[in-house]
């Protein structure tokens, strides 16, 4: 369940910009497969909400002013997964 991050430089009149892109299809498919496995064998005390591509995490970290891996980031990302905007990366729609 890994989406490759593709990066390249763009020359803008002598100023170089790093452009990153990532296709989240493999992550979304991995979420579906993992959810199916979890449905067959529930893990005690663990709730799998979903997985996000790295670039989506970077965007969310910037939006929220948090760092990836912190409790604040986890809370923000969880809220985003539950919002429906990121439904392809969530196991199910949360209420």
C-alpha atoms as a PDB file:
ATOM      1  CA  UNK A   1       0.000   0.000   0.000  1.00  0.00           C
ATOM      2  CA  UNK A   2       2.527   2.552  -1.141  1.00  0.00           C
ATOM      3  CA  UNK A   3       2.017   5.423  -3.540  1.00  0.00           C
ATOM      4  CA  UNK A   4       5.248   6.685  -5.043  1.00  0.00           C
ATOM      5  CA  UNK A   5       5.932  10.384  -4.595  1.00  0.00           C
ATOM      6  CA  UNK A   6       7.172  11.849  -7.863  1.00  0.00           C
ATOM      7  CA  UNK A   7       9.253  14.994  -7.707  1.00  0.00           C
ATOM      8  CA  UNK A   8      10.839  17.212 -10.310  1.00  0.00           C
ATOM      9  CA  UNK A   9      12.310  20.697 -10.516  1.00  0.00           C
ATOM     10  CA  UNK A  10      10.738  23.478 -12.555  1.00  0.00           C
ATOM     11  CA  UNK A  11      12.862  26.411 -13.709  1.00  0.00           C
ATOM     12  CA  UNK A  12      10.936  29.668 -13.380  1.00  0.00           C
ATOM     13  CA  UNK A  13      13.316  32.277 -14.838  1.00  0.00           C
ATOM     14  CA  UNK A  14      16.264  31.046 -12.786  1.00  0.00           C
ATOM     15  CA  UNK A  15      14.215  30.249  -9.675  1.00  0.00           C
ATOM     16  CA  UNK A  16      13.878  26.526  -9.149  1.00  0.00           C
ATOM     17  CA  UNK A  17      10.750  25.022  -7.588  1.00  0.00           C
ATOM     18  CA  UNK A  18      10.379  21.444  -6.414  1.00  0.00           C
ATOM     19  CA  UNK A  19       7.058  20.028  -7.619  1.00  0.00           C
ATOM     20  CA  UNK A  20       5.715  16.913  -5.877  1.00  0.00           C
ATOM     21  CA  UNK A  21       2.831  14.705  -6.959  1.00  0.00           C
ATOM     22  CA  UNK A  22       1.329  11.474  -5.704  1.00  0.00           C
ATOM     23  CA  UNK A  23      -1.498   9.288  -6.995  1.00  0.00           C
ATOM     24  CA  UNK A  24      -3.524   8.025  -4.041  1.00  0.00           C
ATOM     25  CA  UNK A  25      -5.175   5.098  -5.852  1.00  0.00           C
ATOM     26  CA  UNK A  26      -2.912   2.433  -4.318  1.00  0.00           C
ATOM     27  CA  UNK A  27      -3.524   3.825  -0.825  1.00  0.00           C
ATOM     28  CA  UNK A  28      -7.299   3.901  -1.362  1.00  0.00           C
ATOM     29  CA  UNK A  29      -7.239   0.295  -2.619  1.00  0.00           C
ATOM     30  CA  UNK A  30      -5.104  -0.734   0.352  1.00  0.00           C
ATOM     31  CA  UNK A  31      -7.613   0.834   2.743  1.00  0.00           C
ATOM     32  CA  UNK A  32     -10.419  -1.231   1.188  1.00  0.00           C
ATOM     33  CA  UNK A  33      -8.405  -4.438   1.453  1.00  0.00           C
ATOM     34  CA  UNK A  34      -7.338  -3.730   5.035  1.00  0.00           C
ATOM     35  CA  UNK A  35     -10.929  -2.920   6.027  1.00  0.00           C
ATOM     36  CA  UNK A  36     -12.060  -6.272   4.637  1.00  0.00           C
ATOM     37  CA  UNK A  37      -9.403  -8.083   6.673  1.00  0.00           C
ATOM     38  CA  UNK A  38     -10.325  -6.121   9.814  1.00  0.00           C
ATOM     39  CA  UNK A  39     -14.004  -7.000   9.376  1.00  0.00           C
ATOM     40  CA  UNK A  40     -13.109 -10.691   9.399  1.00  0.00           C
ATOM     41  CA  UNK A  41     -10.945 -10.483  12.521  1.00  0.00           C
ATOM     42  CA  UNK A  42     -11.620  -7.583  14.909  1.00  0.00           C
ATOM     43  CA  UNK A  43      -8.610  -6.455  16.913  1.00  0.00           C
ATOM     44  CA  UNK A  44      -9.377  -5.617  20.530  1.00  0.00           C
ATOM     45  CA  UNK A  45      -9.080  -1.928  21.313  1.00  0.00           C
ATOM     46  CA  UNK A  46      -7.921  -0.931  17.837  1.00  0.00           C
ATOM     47  CA  UNK A  47      -9.984   1.097  15.426  1.00  0.00           C
ATOM     48  CA  UNK A  48      -8.474   1.421  11.959  1.00  0.00           C
ATOM     49  CA  UNK A  49      -9.755   4.654  10.426  1.00  0.00           C
ATOM     50  CA  UNK A  50      -7.802   4.573   7.185  1.00  0.00           C
ATOM     51  CA  UNK A  51      -4.528   5.560   5.547  1.00  0.00           C
ATOM     52  CA  UNK A  52      -3.455   8.772   3.878  1.00  0.00           C
ATOM     53  CA  UNK A  53      -0.857   9.355   1.158  1.00  0.00           C
ATOM     54  CA  UNK A  54       2.246  11.213   2.359  1.00  0.00           C
ATOM     55  CA  UNK A  55       1.490  14.371   0.364  1.00  0.00           C
ATOM     56  CA  UNK A  56      -2.030  14.502   1.809  1.00  0.00           C
ATOM     57  CA  UNK A  57      -0.459  14.338   5.273  1.00  0.00           C
ATOM     58  CA  UNK A  58       1.882  17.174   4.376  1.00  0.00           C
ATOM     59  CA  UNK A  59      -1.053  19.290   3.195  1.00  0.00           C
ATOM     60  CA  UNK A  60      -3.011  18.529   6.382  1.00  0.00           C
ATOM     61  CA  UNK A  61      -0.003  19.347   8.557  1.00  0.00           C
ATOM     62  CA  UNK A  62       0.339  22.706   6.824  1.00  0.00           C
ATOM     63  CA  UNK A  63      -3.420  23.420   7.070  1.00  0.00           C
ATOM     64  CA  UNK A  64      -3.524  22.573  10.767  1.00  0.00           C
ATOM     65  CA  UNK A  65      -0.167  24.049  11.745  1.00  0.00           C
ATOM     66  CA  UNK A  66       0.817  20.715  13.313  1.00  0.00           C
ATOM     67  CA  UNK A  67       3.577  18.181  12.719  1.00  0.00           C
ATOM     68  CA  UNK A  68       2.964  14.714  11.304  1.00  0.00           C
ATOM     69  CA  UNK A  69       2.995  12.164  14.110  1.00  0.00           C
ATOM     70  CA  UNK A  70       1.826  14.472  16.879  1.00  0.00           C
ATOM     71  CA  UNK A  71      -1.423  13.980  18.761  1.00  0.00           C
ATOM     72  CA  UNK A  72      -2.712  17.274  17.320  1.00  0.00           C
ATOM     73  CA  UNK A  73      -2.035  16.065  13.774  1.00  0.00           C
ATOM     74  CA  UNK A  74      -3.727  12.733  14.488  1.00  0.00           C
ATOM     75  CA  UNK A  75      -6.810  14.537  15.813  1.00  0.00           C
ATOM     76  CA  UNK A  76      -6.921  16.792  12.746  1.00  0.00           C
ATOM     77  CA  UNK A  77      -6.406  13.909  10.283  1.00  0.00           C
ATOM     78  CA  UNK A  78      -9.059  11.833  12.078  1.00  0.00           C
ATOM     79  CA  UNK A  79     -11.522  14.703  11.776  1.00  0.00           C
ATOM     80  CA  UNK A  80     -10.713  15.001   8.054  1.00  0.00           C
ATOM     81  CA  UNK A  81     -11.254  11.249   7.524  1.00  0.00           C
ATOM     82  CA  UNK A  82     -14.586  11.468   9.322  1.00  0.00           C
ATOM     83  CA  UNK A  83     -15.681  14.542   7.319  1.00  0.00           C
ATOM     84  CA  UNK A  84     -16.318  12.615   4.123  1.00  0.00           C
ATOM     85  CA  UNK A  85     -13.948  14.759   2.036  1.00  0.00           C
ATOM     86  CA  UNK A  86     -11.353  12.004   2.311  1.00  0.00           C
ATOM     87  CA  UNK A  87     -13.799   9.071   2.045  1.00  0.00           C
ATOM     88  CA  UNK A  88     -11.604   7.081  -0.370  1.00  0.00           C
ATOM     89  CA  UNK A  89      -8.977   6.811   2.357  1.00  0.00           C
ATOM     90  CA  UNK A  90     -11.378   6.030   5.218  1.00  0.00           C
ATOM     91  CA  UNK A  91     -12.544   2.543   6.165  1.00  0.00           C
ATOM     92  CA  UNK A  92     -16.134   3.668   6.489  1.00  0.00           C
ATOM     93  CA  UNK A  93     -18.162   6.839   6.868  1.00  0.00           C
ATOM     94  CA  UNK A  94     -18.098   7.919  10.500  1.00  0.00           C
ATOM     95  CA  UNK A  95     -20.927   9.779  12.195  1.00  0.00           C
END
